[in-house]
């Protein structure tokens, strides 16, 4: 038979025990759980905050990296442009320097070429003069000498000597002094004819004559007056021809 009193007593004991457990155990545990939940929540919020800060720093870092890459590219581009400009400048200077050296070398070579050419011309003239003089000397005689003297007198008569005007300016007195140099010597008629022409041209009343013989003239005559020469010798003709050849370019 069911005992309601025992059941009631046990039910009361259960609630008493339940109350004691709630007071002594459940509330502290609940407080601990709540504290743990708040701690976890705070930690989660802190972590989320940290994550946001890390994300922000990461984005800032990416931005900085991107800017650094752009600066790097720009610096490389500018360095390449500067290197290219420097290369062009160096090449330009090198070309200009090479051109200067080329012109300098060209001028030196041209000068050397001219020197050699002038030396060849000089040697050629000397050889031509020597050969011509030797040739003329081998065939020169008094007949050739007289023919040459006649040509000199003819040239003197036409006043073709440019030195005559200079001699006129230098002569300050009526009596003139002259030195006559002849290859074979002059006879009296030849000397007289020459002096007569000179007196007429220069206005001299007379001449103080000094006569010489010089076989190196080959043929003809040379007259010196006031430091100037009237050259009518074959040697003088050869030298004038050689000089005119030397002046040709």
Protein backbone atom coordinates (compact mmCIF):
# COMPACT_ATOMS: atom_id res chain seq x y z
CA UNK A 1 0.00 0.00 0.00
CA UNK A 2 1.37 3.35 -1.08
CA UNK A 3 2.57 5.48 1.84
CA UNK A 4 1.74 9.09 1.14
CA UNK A 5 3.51 10.31 4.17
CA UNK A 6 6.77 8.70 3.19
CA UNK A 7 6.39 10.00 -0.34
CA UNK A 8 5.71 13.48 0.95
CA UNK A 9 8.62 13.32 3.31
CA UNK A 10 10.99 12.17 0.55
CA UNK A 11 9.69 14.88 -1.79
CA UNK A 12 10.36 17.49 0.88
CA UNK A 13 13.85 16.05 1.41
CA UNK A 14 14.49 16.22 -2.39
CA UNK A 15 13.56 19.88 -2.59
CA UNK A 16 15.59 20.63 0.53
CA UNK A 17 18.62 18.89 -0.97
CA UNK A 18 17.94 20.60 -4.30
CA UNK A 19 17.82 23.99 -2.58
CA UNK A 20 21.00 23.27 -0.66
CA UNK A 21 22.72 22.21 -3.92
CA UNK A 22 21.49 25.35 -5.69
CA UNK A 23 22.72 27.58 -2.88
CA UNK A 24 26.00 25.83 -2.34
CA UNK A 25 26.97 24.54 -5.81
CA UNK A 26 24.93 25.80 -8.76
CA UNK A 27 25.26 29.53 -8.17
CA UNK A 28 29.08 29.49 -7.71
CA UNK A 29 29.42 27.30 -10.80
CA UNK A 30 27.07 29.61 -12.67
CA UNK A 31 29.11 32.59 -11.56
CA UNK A 32 32.31 30.83 -12.67
CA UNK A 33 30.74 29.97 -16.03
CA UNK A 34 29.51 33.52 -16.47
CA UNK A 35 32.95 34.88 -15.59
CA UNK A 36 34.52 32.37 -18.01
CA UNK A 37 32.05 33.40 -20.72
CA UNK A 38 32.80 37.09 -20.13
CA UNK A 39 36.53 36.33 -20.19
CA UNK A 40 36.17 34.34 -23.39
CA UNK A 41 34.00 37.09 -24.89
CA UNK A 42 36.55 39.73 -23.91
CA UNK A 43 39.35 37.60 -25.38
CA UNK A 44 37.38 37.06 -28.56
CA UNK A 45 36.73 40.81 -28.83
CA UNK A 46 40.39 41.47 -28.12
CA UNK A 47 41.43 38.91 -30.74
CA UNK A 48 39.00 40.37 -33.24
CA UNK A 49 40.40 43.80 -32.48
CA UNK A 50 43.93 42.48 -32.88
CA UNK A 51 42.90 40.78 -36.12
CA UNK A 52 41.50 44.07 -37.40
CA UNK A 53 44.70 45.84 -36.39
CA UNK A 54 46.79 43.10 -38.05
CA UNK A 55 44.60 43.33 -41.16
CA UNK A 56 45.03 47.09 -41.19
CA UNK A 57 48.79 46.74 -40.72
CA UNK A 58 48.86 44.10 -43.46
CA UNK A 59 47.01 46.39 -45.84
CA UNK A 60 49.34 49.24 -44.87
CA UNK A 61 52.32 46.92 -45.44
CA UNK A 62 50.98 45.88 -48.87
CA UNK A 63 50.45 49.54 -49.71
CA UNK A 64 54.01 50.35 -48.62
CA UNK A 65 55.35 47.40 -50.60
CA UNK A 66 53.41 48.54 -53.66
CA UNK A 67 54.74 52.10 -53.25
CA UNK A 68 58.25 50.69 -52.78
CA UNK A 69 57.85 48.65 -55.97
CA UNK A 70 56.68 51.74 -57.83
CA UNK A 71 59.62 53.72 -56.45
CA UNK A 72 61.93 50.87 -57.40
CA UNK A 73 60.56 50.76 -60.96
CA UNK A 74 60.76 54.54 -61.22
CA UNK A 75 64.32 54.55 -59.85
CA UNK A 76 65.34 51.79 -62.28
CA UNK A 77 63.71 53.68 -65.17
CA UNK A 78 65.42 56.94 -64.18
CA UNK A 79 68.74 55.10 -63.72
CA UNK A 80 68.37 53.55 -67.19
CA UNK A 81 67.54 56.95 -68.69
CA UNK A 82 70.53 58.54 -66.94
CA UNK A 83 72.75 55.65 -68.04
CA UNK A 84 71.50 56.08 -71.62
CA UNK A 85 72.15 59.84 -71.48
CA UNK A 86 75.61 59.22 -70.05
CA UNK A 87 76.26 56.62 -72.75
CA UNK A 88 75.20 59.06 -75.47
CA UNK A 89 77.33 61.80 -73.91
CA UNK A 90 80.37 59.53 -73.68
CA UNK A 91 79.84 58.31 -77.26
CA UNK A 92 79.46 61.92 -78.46
CA UNK A 93 82.62 62.99 -76.65
CA UNK A 94 84.43 59.91 -77.95
CA UNK A 95 83.30 60.68 -81.52
CA UNK A 96 84.32 64.33 -81.16
CA UNK A 97 87.67 63.31 -79.69
CA UNK A 98 88.14 60.71 -82.45
CA UNK A 99 87.24 63.35 -85.05
CA UNK A 100 89.75 65.77 -83.51
CA UNK A 101 92.42 63.07 -83.45
CA UNK A 102 91.55 62.17 -87.04
CA UNK A 103 91.81 65.80 -88.15
CA UNK A 104 95.04 66.18 -86.17
CA UNK A 105 96.48 63.02 -87.70
CA UNK A 106 95.22 64.10 -91.12
CA UNK A 107 96.88 67.50 -90.70
CA UNK A 108 100.13 65.85 -89.58
CA UNK A 109 100.03 63.44 -92.52
CA UNK A 110 99.18 66.28 -94.89
CA UNK A 111 102.00 68.38 -93.48
CA UNK A 112 104.37 65.42 -93.78
CA UNK A 113 103.11 64.79 -97.32
CA UNK A 114 103.68 68.45 -98.22
CA UNK A 115 107.10 68.36 -96.60
CA UNK A 116 108.04 65.23 -98.56
CA UNK A 117 106.57 66.73 -101.74
CA UNK A 118 108.45 70.00 -101.21
CA UNK A 119 111.60 68.01 -100.50
CA UNK A 120 111.06 66.01 -103.70
CA UNK A 121 110.43 69.23 -105.63
CA UNK A 122 113.52 70.80 -104.08
CA UNK A 123 115.65 67.76 -104.91
CA UNK A 124 114.12 67.64 -108.39
CA UNK A 125 114.89 71.33 -108.93
CA UNK A 126 118.41 70.88 -107.61
CA UNK A 127 118.89 67.85 -109.85
CA UNK A 128 117.34 69.67 -112.82
CA UNK A 129 119.54 72.72 -112.23
CA UNK A 130 122.65 70.59 -111.78
CA UNK A 131 121.84 68.45 -114.82
CA UNK A 132 120.97 71.51 -116.96
CA UNK A 133 124.04 73.41 -115.81
CA UNK A 134 126.27 70.42 -116.51
CA UNK A 135 124.63 69.95 -119.90
CA UNK A 136 124.90 73.64 -120.79
CA UNK A 137 128.45 73.80 -119.43
CA UNK A 138 129.43 70.90 -121.68
CA UNK A 139 128.16 72.72 -124.77
CA UNK A 140 128.89 76.30 -123.69
CA UNK A 141 131.40 78.25 -125.74
CA UNK A 142 132.09 81.86 -126.67
CA UNK A 143 129.52 81.76 -129.47
CA UNK A 144 126.75 80.71 -127.03
CA UNK A 145 128.06 83.33 -124.64
CA UNK A 146 127.84 86.09 -127.30
CA UNK A 147 124.28 85.01 -128.23
CA UNK A 148 123.27 85.16 -124.57
CA UNK A 149 124.88 88.60 -124.16
CA UNK A 150 122.96 89.90 -127.20
CA UNK A 151 119.69 88.64 -125.67
CA UNK A 152 120.64 90.41 -122.44
CA UNK A 153 121.27 93.70 -124.29
CA UNK A 154 117.96 93.31 -126.14
CA UNK A 155 116.11 92.72 -122.88
CA UNK A 156 117.96 95.66 -121.33
CA UNK A 157 116.92 97.88 -124.26
CA UNK A 158 113.26 97.01 -123.69
CA UNK A 159 113.71 97.70 -119.95
CA UNK A 160 112.22 94.29 -119.16
CA UNK A 161 114.24 94.00 -115.95
CA UNK A 162 111.97 94.91 -113.02
CA UNK A 163 115.09 95.69 -110.98
CA UNK A 164 115.79 98.78 -113.16
CA UNK A 165 113.07 100.85 -111.44
CA UNK A 166 114.45 99.93 -108.04
CA UNK A 167 117.97 100.86 -109.15
CA UNK A 168 116.70 104.24 -110.43
CA UNK A 169 115.24 105.01 -107.01
CA UNK A 170 118.50 104.14 -105.27
CA UNK A 171 120.86 106.14 -107.48
CA UNK A 172 121.58 109.52 -105.83
CA UNK A 173 124.56 110.73 -107.93
CA UNK A 174 125.44 111.20 -111.56
CA UNK A 175 128.36 108.77 -111.61
CA UNK A 176 127.29 105.14 -111.05
CA UNK A 177 129.22 102.14 -109.83
CA UNK A 178 128.67 98.73 -111.47
CA UNK A 179 130.12 95.26 -111.18
CA UNK A 180 130.06 93.26 -114.42
CA UNK A 181 130.41 89.48 -114.12
CA UNK A 182 130.74 87.53 -117.34
CA UNK A 183 131.07 83.84 -118.15
CA UNK A 184 133.74 84.27 -120.83
CA UNK A 185 134.50 87.97 -120.56
CA UNK A 186 133.12 90.78 -122.68
CA UNK A 187 134.77 92.44 -125.65
CA UNK A 188 134.95 96.23 -125.68
CA UNK A 189 132.01 96.68 -128.05
CA UNK A 190 129.70 94.49 -125.91
CA UNK A 191 130.70 96.25 -122.68
CA UNK A 192 130.34 99.65 -124.30
CA UNK A 193 126.86 98.83 -125.64
CA UNK A 194 125.70 97.56 -122.22
CA UNK A 195 127.01 100.64 -120.38
CA UNK A 196 125.50 102.96 -122.97
CA UNK A 197 122.06 101.40 -122.43
CA UNK A 198 122.44 101.62 -118.65
CA UNK A 199 123.51 105.29 -118.80
CA UNK A 200 120.49 106.06 -120.94
CA UNK A 201 118.02 104.20 -118.71
CA UNK A 202 119.43 105.21 -115.31
CA UNK A 203 120.57 108.74 -116.21
CA UNK A 204 124.18 108.15 -115.19
CA UNK A 205 126.91 110.35 -116.72
CA UNK A 206 129.42 107.54 -116.39
CA UNK A 207 130.24 104.25 -114.68
CA UNK A 208 132.92 103.12 -112.29
CA UNK A 209 133.31 99.55 -113.63
CA UNK A 210 134.65 96.44 -111.91
CA UNK A 211 134.82 93.46 -114.26
CA UNK A 212 135.00 89.77 -113.26
CA UNK A 213 134.82 86.41 -114.96
CA UNK A 214 132.75 83.57 -113.49
CA UNK A 215 132.51 80.34 -115.56
CA UNK A 216 129.65 79.09 -113.32
CA UNK A 217 127.38 81.51 -115.16
CA UNK A 218 127.80 79.12 -118.16
CA UNK A 219 127.10 81.91 -120.67
CA UNK A 220 125.94 85.52 -120.55
CA UNK A 221 126.47 88.31 -118.11
CA UNK A 222 125.31 89.55 -114.68
CA UNK A 223 125.51 93.19 -113.58
CA UNK A 224 125.31 94.40 -109.96
CA UNK A 225 124.33 98.02 -109.27
CA UNK A 226 123.41 99.41 -105.83
CA UNK A 227 123.09 95.89 -104.39
CA UNK A 228 120.64 94.77 -107.10
CA UNK A 229 121.39 92.31 -109.92
CA UNK A 230 120.48 92.34 -113.59
CA UNK A 231 120.98 88.67 -114.44
CA UNK A 232 121.32 87.78 -118.13
CA UNK A 233 123.26 84.53 -117.66
CA UNK A 234 122.20 81.02 -118.62
CA UNK A 235 122.61 79.97 -115.00
CA UNK A 236 120.20 82.73 -113.93
CA UNK A 237 117.69 81.63 -116.57
CA UNK A 238 117.86 78.02 -115.34
CA UNK A 239 117.39 79.13 -111.72
CA UNK A 240 114.37 81.28 -112.64
CA UNK A 241 112.77 78.39 -114.52
CA UNK A 242 113.39 76.08 -111.56
CA UNK A 243 111.97 78.70 -109.16
CA UNK A 244 108.82 79.12 -111.27
CA UNK A 245 108.37 75.33 -111.35
CA UNK A 246 108.77 75.21 -107.57
CA UNK A 247 105.95 77.77 -107.10
CA UNK A 248 103.48 75.64 -109.07
CA UNK A 249 101.00 73.62 -106.90
